[in-house]
């Protein structure tokens, strides 16, 4: 009878410890880091302006910042970026 009681107490203590420390790298952070690549700004001009590029997006990176900026393009452009 004493052995059964000790094992029940041990299980309860382990569950309490797991619940207390779940926020420190446990399952509490699941799904919070998806698609981090979408936070990388596109274009050196836009990054130089501190990502305040929405109103003047009139180059090849306009598809990312403001798709309506394509209407301001007078010719074809090509943009390449390596991060």
N, C-alpha and C. Protein backbone atom coordinates (compact mmCIF):
# COMPACT_ATOMS: atom_id res chain seq x y z
N UNK A 1 0.82 -1.19 0.00
CA UNK A 1 0.00 0.00 0.00
C UNK A 1 0.87 1.26 0.00
N UNK A 2 1.97 1.24 0.75
CA UNK A 2 2.86 2.39 0.83
C UNK A 2 3.57 2.62 -0.50
N UNK A 3 3.92 1.55 -1.21
CA UNK A 3 4.61 1.66 -2.49
C UNK A 3 3.71 2.31 -3.53
N UNK A 4 2.42 1.95 -3.51
CA UNK A 4 1.47 2.51 -4.46
C UNK A 4 1.28 4.01 -4.19
N UNK A 5 1.21 4.36 -2.90
CA UNK A 5 1.03 5.78 -2.54
C UNK A 5 2.25 6.60 -2.96
N UNK A 6 3.45 6.07 -2.76
CA UNK A 6 4.67 6.78 -3.15
C UNK A 6 4.73 6.99 -4.66
N UNK A 7 4.32 6.01 -5.43
CA UNK A 7 4.36 6.16 -6.89
C UNK A 7 3.31 7.17 -7.37
N UNK A 8 2.16 7.23 -6.70
CA UNK A 8 1.14 8.23 -7.07
C UNK A 8 1.65 9.63 -6.75
N UNK A 9 2.28 9.80 -5.61
CA UNK A 9 2.84 11.10 -5.22
C UNK A 9 3.94 11.50 -6.19
N UNK A 10 4.76 10.55 -6.60
CA UNK A 10 5.83 10.84 -7.56
C UNK A 10 5.27 11.29 -8.90
N UNK A 11 4.23 10.63 -9.37
CA UNK A 11 3.60 11.01 -10.64
C UNK A 11 3.01 12.41 -10.54
N UNK A 12 2.36 12.71 -9.45
CA UNK A 12 1.77 14.05 -9.27
C UNK A 12 2.86 15.12 -9.23
N UNK A 13 3.95 14.86 -8.54
CA UNK A 13 5.06 15.82 -8.48
C UNK A 13 5.66 16.03 -9.86
N UNK A 14 5.86 14.97 -10.61
CA UNK A 14 6.42 15.10 -11.97
C UNK A 14 5.51 15.89 -12.88
N UNK A 15 4.21 15.67 -12.77
CA UNK A 15 3.26 16.44 -13.60
C UNK A 15 3.31 17.91 -13.21
N UNK A 16 3.37 18.21 -11.92
CA UNK A 16 3.44 19.61 -11.49
C UNK A 16 4.72 20.29 -11.98
N UNK A 17 5.84 19.58 -11.91
CA UNK A 17 7.11 20.14 -12.39
C UNK A 17 7.02 20.41 -13.88
N UNK A 18 6.45 19.49 -14.64
CA UNK A 18 6.33 19.67 -16.09
C UNK A 18 5.44 20.87 -16.41
N UNK A 19 4.35 21.03 -15.69
CA UNK A 19 3.45 22.17 -15.93
C UNK A 19 4.14 23.48 -15.57
N UNK A 20 4.90 23.51 -14.49
CA UNK A 20 5.57 24.74 -14.07
C UNK A 20 6.65 25.18 -15.06
N UNK A 21 7.39 24.21 -15.61
CA UNK A 21 8.50 24.55 -16.49
C UNK A 21 8.16 24.45 -17.97
N UNK A 22 6.90 24.30 -18.31
CA UNK A 22 6.50 24.19 -19.72
C UNK A 22 6.79 25.48 -20.48
N UNK A 23 6.72 26.62 -19.83
CA UNK A 23 6.96 27.89 -20.49
C UNK A 23 8.42 28.18 -20.78
N UNK A 24 9.32 27.43 -20.20
CA UNK A 24 10.75 27.65 -20.39
C UNK A 24 11.31 26.70 -21.44
N UNK A 25 10.83 26.81 -22.67
CA UNK A 25 11.34 25.98 -23.75
C UNK A 25 10.55 24.71 -23.97
N UNK A 26 9.45 24.56 -23.29
CA UNK A 26 8.62 23.37 -23.46
C UNK A 26 7.68 23.53 -24.64
N UNK A 27 6.51 22.98 -24.53
CA UNK A 27 5.55 22.99 -25.63
C UNK A 27 4.83 24.33 -25.77
N UNK A 28 5.12 25.29 -24.92
CA UNK A 28 4.44 26.57 -24.98
C UNK A 28 4.84 27.37 -26.23
N UNK A 29 5.98 27.09 -26.84
CA UNK A 29 6.44 27.86 -27.99
C UNK A 29 6.24 27.13 -29.32
N UNK A 30 5.44 26.12 -29.34
CA UNK A 30 5.22 25.37 -30.57
C UNK A 30 4.47 26.25 -31.57
N UNK A 31 4.98 26.31 -32.79
CA UNK A 31 4.31 27.05 -33.85
C UNK A 31 4.52 28.54 -33.86
N UNK A 32 5.48 29.06 -33.12
CA UNK A 32 5.69 30.50 -33.07
C UNK A 32 6.80 30.97 -34.01
N UNK A 33 7.46 30.08 -34.72
CA UNK A 33 8.55 30.50 -35.58
C UNK A 33 8.36 30.08 -37.04
N UNK A 34 7.16 29.89 -37.46
CA UNK A 34 6.91 29.48 -38.84
C UNK A 34 7.07 30.66 -39.79
N UNK A 35 7.61 30.41 -40.95
CA UNK A 35 7.72 31.38 -42.05
C UNK A 35 8.50 32.63 -41.67
N UNK A 36 9.59 32.48 -40.95
CA UNK A 36 10.41 33.63 -40.57
C UNK A 36 11.04 34.31 -41.78
N UNK A 37 11.18 33.58 -42.89
CA UNK A 37 11.77 34.18 -44.09
C UNK A 37 10.90 35.29 -44.65
N UNK A 38 9.63 35.35 -44.31
CA UNK A 38 8.77 36.41 -44.80
C UNK A 38 9.07 37.76 -44.13
N UNK A 39 9.82 37.74 -43.05
CA UNK A 39 10.17 38.99 -42.37
C UNK A 39 11.42 39.63 -42.95
N UNK A 40 12.10 38.99 -43.89
CA UNK A 40 13.29 39.54 -44.51
C UNK A 40 12.86 40.57 -45.54
N UNK A 41 13.24 41.83 -45.40
CA UNK A 41 12.85 42.84 -46.38
C UNK A 41 13.54 42.60 -47.73
N UNK A 42 12.90 43.06 -48.78
CA UNK A 42 13.41 42.84 -50.14
C UNK A 42 13.85 44.18 -50.72
N UNK A 43 15.04 44.21 -51.28
CA UNK A 43 15.55 45.40 -51.96
C UNK A 43 16.42 46.26 -51.07
N UNK A 44 17.57 46.66 -51.61
CA UNK A 44 18.50 47.47 -50.82
C UNK A 44 17.97 48.89 -50.60
N UNK A 45 17.27 49.42 -51.58
CA UNK A 45 16.71 50.77 -51.42
C UNK A 45 15.68 50.79 -50.30
N UNK A 46 14.84 49.79 -50.26
CA UNK A 46 13.82 49.71 -49.21
C UNK A 46 14.44 49.49 -47.84
N UNK A 47 15.46 48.65 -47.76
CA UNK A 47 16.12 48.42 -46.48
C UNK A 47 16.84 49.68 -46.01
N UNK A 48 17.40 50.44 -46.94
CA UNK A 48 18.06 51.69 -46.59
C UNK A 48 17.10 52.74 -46.07
N UNK A 49 15.85 52.64 -46.47
CA UNK A 49 14.83 53.57 -46.00
C UNK A 49 14.13 53.06 -44.74
N UNK A 50 14.67 52.00 -44.16
CA UNK A 50 14.08 51.47 -42.93
C UNK A 50 12.74 50.79 -43.16
N UNK A 51 12.56 50.19 -44.31
CA UNK A 51 11.34 49.48 -44.71
C UNK A 51 10.14 50.42 -44.87
N UNK A 52 10.37 51.72 -44.97
CA UNK A 52 9.30 52.68 -45.22
C UNK A 52 9.24 52.94 -46.72
N UNK A 53 8.87 51.94 -47.46
CA UNK A 53 9.00 51.98 -48.92
C UNK A 53 7.67 51.81 -49.63
N UNK A 54 6.59 51.66 -48.90
CA UNK A 54 5.30 51.35 -49.50
C UNK A 54 4.83 52.45 -50.44
N UNK A 55 5.00 53.69 -50.08
CA UNK A 55 4.46 54.77 -50.90
C UNK A 55 5.32 55.10 -52.12
N UNK A 56 6.59 54.69 -52.13
CA UNK A 56 7.45 54.99 -53.27
C UNK A 56 7.88 53.73 -54.02
N UNK A 57 7.19 52.63 -53.82
CA UNK A 57 7.56 51.37 -54.47
C UNK A 57 7.26 51.48 -55.97
N UNK A 58 8.30 51.75 -56.74
CA UNK A 58 8.12 51.91 -58.18
C UNK A 58 9.21 51.19 -58.97
N UNK A 59 9.78 50.17 -58.37
CA UNK A 59 10.80 49.41 -59.07
C UNK A 59 10.41 47.93 -59.05
N UNK A 60 11.35 47.05 -59.32
CA UNK A 60 11.04 45.63 -59.43
C UNK A 60 10.61 45.01 -58.10
N UNK A 61 10.95 45.65 -57.00
CA UNK A 61 10.55 45.11 -55.70
C UNK A 61 9.15 45.54 -55.28
N UNK A 62 8.46 46.25 -56.15
CA UNK A 62 7.11 46.73 -55.84
C UNK A 62 6.14 45.58 -55.60
N UNK A 63 6.38 44.43 -56.18
CA UNK A 63 5.49 43.30 -55.93
C UNK A 63 5.47 42.92 -54.46
N UNK A 64 6.56 43.12 -53.77
CA UNK A 64 6.62 42.81 -52.35
C UNK A 64 6.04 43.95 -51.50
N UNK A 65 6.42 45.17 -51.78
CA UNK A 65 6.05 46.30 -50.93
C UNK A 65 4.66 46.83 -51.22
N UNK A 66 4.34 47.06 -52.47
CA UNK A 66 3.05 47.62 -52.86
C UNK A 66 2.80 47.27 -54.32
N UNK A 67 2.01 46.25 -54.60
CA UNK A 67 1.80 45.82 -55.98
C UNK A 67 1.24 46.91 -56.90
N UNK A 68 0.60 47.92 -56.36
CA UNK A 68 0.09 49.02 -57.19
C UNK A 68 1.22 49.85 -57.76
N UNK A 69 2.42 49.75 -57.20
CA UNK A 69 3.57 50.48 -57.70
C UNK A 69 4.03 50.02 -59.06
N UNK A 70 3.57 48.87 -59.52
CA UNK A 70 3.94 48.38 -60.85
C UNK A 70 3.41 49.32 -61.93
N UNK A 71 2.33 50.01 -61.65
CA UNK A 71 1.76 50.94 -62.62
C UNK A 71 2.71 52.10 -62.91
N UNK A 72 3.61 52.41 -62.01
CA UNK A 72 4.57 53.50 -62.19
C UNK A 72 5.80 53.08 -62.99
N UNK A 73 5.99 51.80 -63.23
CA UNK A 73 7.16 51.33 -63.97
C UNK A 73 7.01 51.66 -65.45
N UNK A 74 8.05 52.24 -66.03
CA UNK A 74 7.99 52.60 -67.44
C UNK A 74 8.63 51.54 -68.33
N UNK A 75 9.53 50.75 -67.80
CA UNK A 75 10.19 49.71 -68.58
C UNK A 75 10.30 48.44 -67.76
N UNK A 76 10.91 47.43 -68.35
CA UNK A 76 11.10 46.18 -67.63
C UNK A 76 12.25 46.25 -66.66
N UNK A 77 12.13 45.59 -65.54
CA UNK A 77 13.18 45.56 -64.54
C UNK A 77 13.33 44.14 -64.02
N UNK A 78 14.51 43.88 -63.47
CA UNK A 78 14.83 42.58 -62.92
C UNK A 78 15.58 42.80 -61.61
N UNK A 79 15.18 42.10 -60.59
CA UNK A 79 15.82 42.28 -59.29
C UNK A 79 16.27 40.93 -58.75
N UNK A 80 17.52 40.89 -58.25
CA UNK A 80 18.09 39.69 -57.67
C UNK A 80 18.63 40.03 -56.29
N UNK A 81 18.40 39.16 -55.33
CA UNK A 81 18.89 39.40 -53.99
C UNK A 81 19.37 38.09 -53.39
N UNK A 82 20.47 38.15 -52.67
CA UNK A 82 21.00 36.97 -52.00
C UNK A 82 21.19 37.32 -50.53
N UNK A 83 20.60 36.52 -49.65
CA UNK A 83 20.69 36.80 -48.22
C UNK A 83 21.33 35.62 -47.55
